[in-house]
Every structure is written in structure tokens, then in C-alpha cells.
N, C-alpha and C. Protein backbone atom coordinates (compact mmCIF):
# COMPACT_ATOMS: atom_id res chain seq x y z
N PRO A 1 114.67 122.87 222.19
CA PRO A 1 115.16 123.00 223.55
C PRO A 1 114.55 124.21 224.26
N PRO A 2 114.46 124.20 225.56
CA PRO A 2 113.91 125.33 226.31
C PRO A 2 114.78 126.57 226.15
N MET A 3 114.21 127.72 226.45
CA MET A 3 114.95 128.98 226.33
C MET A 3 116.16 128.96 227.26
N GLY A 4 117.28 129.50 226.79
CA GLY A 4 118.47 129.59 227.60
C GLY A 4 119.38 128.37 227.49
N VAL A 5 118.90 127.31 226.88
CA VAL A 5 119.73 126.12 226.70
C VAL A 5 120.48 126.25 225.38
N SER A 6 121.80 126.09 225.44
CA SER A 6 122.58 126.24 224.22
C SER A 6 122.47 124.99 223.37
N LYS A 7 122.60 125.19 222.09
CA LYS A 7 122.55 124.08 221.15
C LYS A 7 123.97 123.64 220.84
N ALA A 8 124.20 122.36 220.90
CA ALA A 8 125.55 121.84 220.67
C ALA A 8 125.70 121.39 219.23
N CYS A 9 126.90 121.57 218.72
CA CYS A 9 127.24 121.12 217.37
C CYS A 9 127.22 119.59 217.35
N SER A 10 126.63 119.01 216.33
CA SER A 10 126.54 117.55 216.25
C SER A 10 127.88 116.91 215.91
N SER A 11 128.82 117.68 215.37
CA SER A 11 130.12 117.12 215.01
C SER A 11 131.14 117.22 216.14
N CYS A 12 131.35 118.42 216.67
CA CYS A 12 132.41 118.61 217.67
C CYS A 12 131.85 118.78 219.08
N VAL A 13 130.55 118.83 219.24
CA VAL A 13 129.84 118.94 220.51
C VAL A 13 130.12 120.25 221.25
N ARG A 14 130.74 121.19 220.58
CA ARG A 14 130.88 122.52 221.16
C ARG A 14 129.58 123.28 220.92
N THR A 15 129.43 124.39 221.61
CA THR A 15 128.23 125.18 221.43
C THR A 15 128.20 125.78 220.04
N ALA A 16 127.08 125.61 219.36
CA ALA A 16 126.92 126.17 218.02
C ALA A 16 126.44 127.61 218.17
N ASP A 17 127.35 128.57 217.96
CA ASP A 17 127.01 129.98 218.11
C ASP A 17 125.98 130.41 217.08
N VAL A 18 126.22 130.03 215.86
CA VAL A 18 125.32 130.39 214.77
C VAL A 18 124.19 129.36 214.77
N LYS A 19 122.99 129.85 214.60
CA LYS A 19 121.86 128.92 214.57
C LYS A 19 121.78 128.30 213.18
N GLU A 20 122.78 127.50 212.88
CA GLU A 20 122.90 126.88 211.57
C GLU A 20 122.61 125.39 211.72
N ALA A 21 121.84 124.87 210.81
CA ALA A 21 121.52 123.45 210.84
C ALA A 21 121.84 122.85 209.48
N CYS A 22 122.23 121.60 209.49
CA CYS A 22 122.51 120.88 208.26
C CYS A 22 121.22 120.76 207.45
N THR A 23 121.29 121.05 206.17
CA THR A 23 120.10 120.99 205.33
C THR A 23 119.70 119.55 205.02
N GLN A 24 120.59 118.60 205.27
CA GLN A 24 120.30 117.20 204.99
C GLN A 24 119.67 116.50 206.19
N CYS A 25 120.26 116.65 207.39
CA CYS A 25 119.79 115.91 208.56
C CYS A 25 119.22 116.78 209.66
N ASP A 26 119.26 118.11 209.50
CA ASP A 26 118.74 119.08 210.46
C ASP A 26 119.46 119.09 211.81
N GLN A 27 120.65 118.52 211.89
CA GLN A 27 121.45 118.59 213.11
C GLN A 27 122.12 119.95 213.18
N PHE A 28 122.29 120.49 214.39
CA PHE A 28 122.95 121.78 214.55
C PHE A 28 124.45 121.61 214.35
N ILE A 29 125.05 122.56 213.63
CA ILE A 29 126.49 122.52 213.39
C ILE A 29 127.07 123.91 213.60
N CYS A 30 128.29 123.96 214.13
CA CYS A 30 128.95 125.25 214.31
C CYS A 30 129.62 125.66 213.00
N GLN A 31 130.11 126.88 212.97
CA GLN A 31 130.70 127.40 211.74
C GLN A 31 131.95 126.62 211.33
N ASN A 32 132.71 126.12 212.30
CA ASN A 32 133.94 125.37 211.99
C ASN A 32 133.65 124.03 211.34
N CYS A 33 132.52 123.42 211.68
CA CYS A 33 132.21 122.08 211.18
C CYS A 33 131.29 122.10 209.96
N SER A 34 130.72 123.24 209.66
CA SER A 34 129.80 123.28 208.52
C SER A 34 130.58 123.27 207.20
N ARG A 35 129.98 122.66 206.22
CA ARG A 35 130.57 122.60 204.88
C ARG A 35 129.56 123.13 203.88
N LEU A 36 130.05 123.82 202.88
CA LEU A 36 129.18 124.38 201.85
C LEU A 36 129.32 123.54 200.60
N CYS A 37 128.21 123.04 200.10
CA CYS A 37 128.22 122.22 198.90
C CYS A 37 128.66 123.06 197.70
N SER A 38 129.62 122.56 196.94
CA SER A 38 130.13 123.29 195.78
C SER A 38 129.11 123.34 194.65
N CYS A 39 128.16 122.43 194.67
CA CYS A 39 127.19 122.33 193.59
C CYS A 39 125.94 123.19 193.84
N CYS A 40 125.30 122.99 195.01
CA CYS A 40 124.03 123.69 195.25
C CYS A 40 124.11 124.74 196.35
N ASN A 41 125.31 124.95 196.94
CA ASN A 41 125.55 125.95 197.98
C ASN A 41 124.71 125.78 199.23
N THR A 42 124.34 124.56 199.60
CA THR A 42 123.64 124.34 200.85
C THR A 42 124.64 123.98 201.94
N VAL A 43 124.29 124.27 203.18
CA VAL A 43 125.15 124.00 204.32
C VAL A 43 124.88 122.58 204.81
N THR A 44 125.95 121.80 204.95
CA THR A 44 125.82 120.42 205.42
C THR A 44 126.85 120.14 206.51
N CYS A 45 126.61 119.08 207.26
CA CYS A 45 127.59 118.64 208.25
C CYS A 45 128.54 117.64 207.59
N SER A 46 129.55 117.22 208.32
CA SER A 46 130.56 116.33 207.74
C SER A 46 129.99 114.95 207.42
N LEU A 47 128.94 114.54 208.15
CA LEU A 47 128.35 113.23 207.88
C LEU A 47 127.48 113.23 206.63
N CYS A 48 126.95 114.39 206.27
CA CYS A 48 126.05 114.47 205.12
C CYS A 48 126.72 115.04 203.88
N SER A 49 128.04 115.06 203.87
CA SER A 49 128.75 115.56 202.69
C SER A 49 129.98 114.70 202.43
N THR A 50 130.41 114.73 201.20
CA THR A 50 131.62 114.01 200.82
C THR A 50 132.55 114.98 200.10
N ILE A 51 133.83 114.70 200.11
CA ILE A 51 134.79 115.53 199.40
C ILE A 51 135.20 114.78 198.14
N ASP A 52 134.99 115.43 197.01
CA ASP A 52 135.33 114.84 195.72
C ASP A 52 136.71 115.34 195.31
N TYR A 53 137.64 114.42 195.17
CA TYR A 53 139.01 114.78 194.77
C TYR A 53 139.16 114.53 193.27
N GLY A 54 138.45 115.31 192.48
CA GLY A 54 138.44 115.11 191.03
C GLY A 54 139.47 115.95 190.32
N ASP A 55 139.26 116.10 189.02
CA ASP A 55 140.18 116.87 188.17
C ASP A 55 140.22 118.35 188.53
N VAL A 56 139.11 118.86 189.04
CA VAL A 56 138.99 120.28 189.35
C VAL A 56 139.64 120.61 190.69
N GLY A 57 139.99 119.61 191.47
CA GLY A 57 140.50 119.81 192.82
C GLY A 57 139.46 119.35 193.82
N GLU A 58 139.65 119.74 195.08
CA GLU A 58 138.72 119.33 196.13
C GLU A 58 137.39 120.05 195.99
N GLN A 59 136.32 119.30 196.01
CA GLN A 59 134.98 119.88 196.00
C GLN A 59 134.15 119.19 197.06
N VAL A 60 133.46 119.99 197.87
CA VAL A 60 132.54 119.44 198.86
C VAL A 60 131.20 119.24 198.18
N LEU A 61 130.64 118.06 198.32
CA LEU A 61 129.33 117.77 197.74
C LEU A 61 128.41 117.21 198.81
N CYS A 62 127.19 117.75 198.89
CA CYS A 62 126.22 117.20 199.82
C CYS A 62 125.76 115.84 199.29
N ASN A 63 125.13 115.06 200.14
CA ASN A 63 124.69 113.72 199.71
C ASN A 63 123.75 113.79 198.51
N GLY A 64 122.94 114.82 198.44
CA GLY A 64 122.02 114.97 197.31
C GLY A 64 122.73 115.17 195.99
N CYS A 65 123.78 115.99 195.99
CA CYS A 65 124.51 116.26 194.75
C CYS A 65 125.54 115.19 194.43
N SER A 66 126.06 114.51 195.45
CA SER A 66 127.12 113.54 195.20
C SER A 66 126.66 112.35 194.37
N ILE A 67 125.38 112.00 194.41
CA ILE A 67 124.91 110.88 193.59
C ILE A 67 124.90 111.21 192.10
N PHE A 68 124.86 112.50 191.78
CA PHE A 68 124.88 112.89 190.35
C PHE A 68 126.28 113.10 189.83
N GLN A 69 127.29 113.10 190.71
CA GLN A 69 128.66 113.36 190.30
C GLN A 69 129.50 112.10 190.19
N VAL A 70 128.88 110.99 189.89
CA VAL A 70 129.62 109.71 189.83
C VAL A 70 130.42 109.61 188.55
């Protein structure tokens, strides 16, 4: 985007203050909507991550790690 144009969060469409992007789809996400993968510690958006309700409790897994946790 051109200089001075704010980047909107792909999840909540609010302005993303932090220049954070999902490592899976490269969409901009704000701090409230970003999720940290419990396995590889990468930042993902809600569309590119799943929550595993396993024996250990809730764990956020990015799409890359979730295929190995079946």
C-alpha cells in the first residue's frame, strides 16, 4: 500500500497497529487476532490455525503443525 495508508487486520478489519503478518497466508493481523502456534511459535491468523483440545489442554496449532498432531 502507498505511504500513509493504514493496513487493516484481515480478521477484524480494524487497523493493525503492529506490522504483523500471518506466517501462513501473509495477511495482516492485529495483536488481538494473532495466535501463536504452541508447536513452532509462529504467528498465525484465526483462519490458518486450529485449537487442539487434547489431554494437555487448549493448544493453538498452525496449519503446518496441525497435520502432524493427528
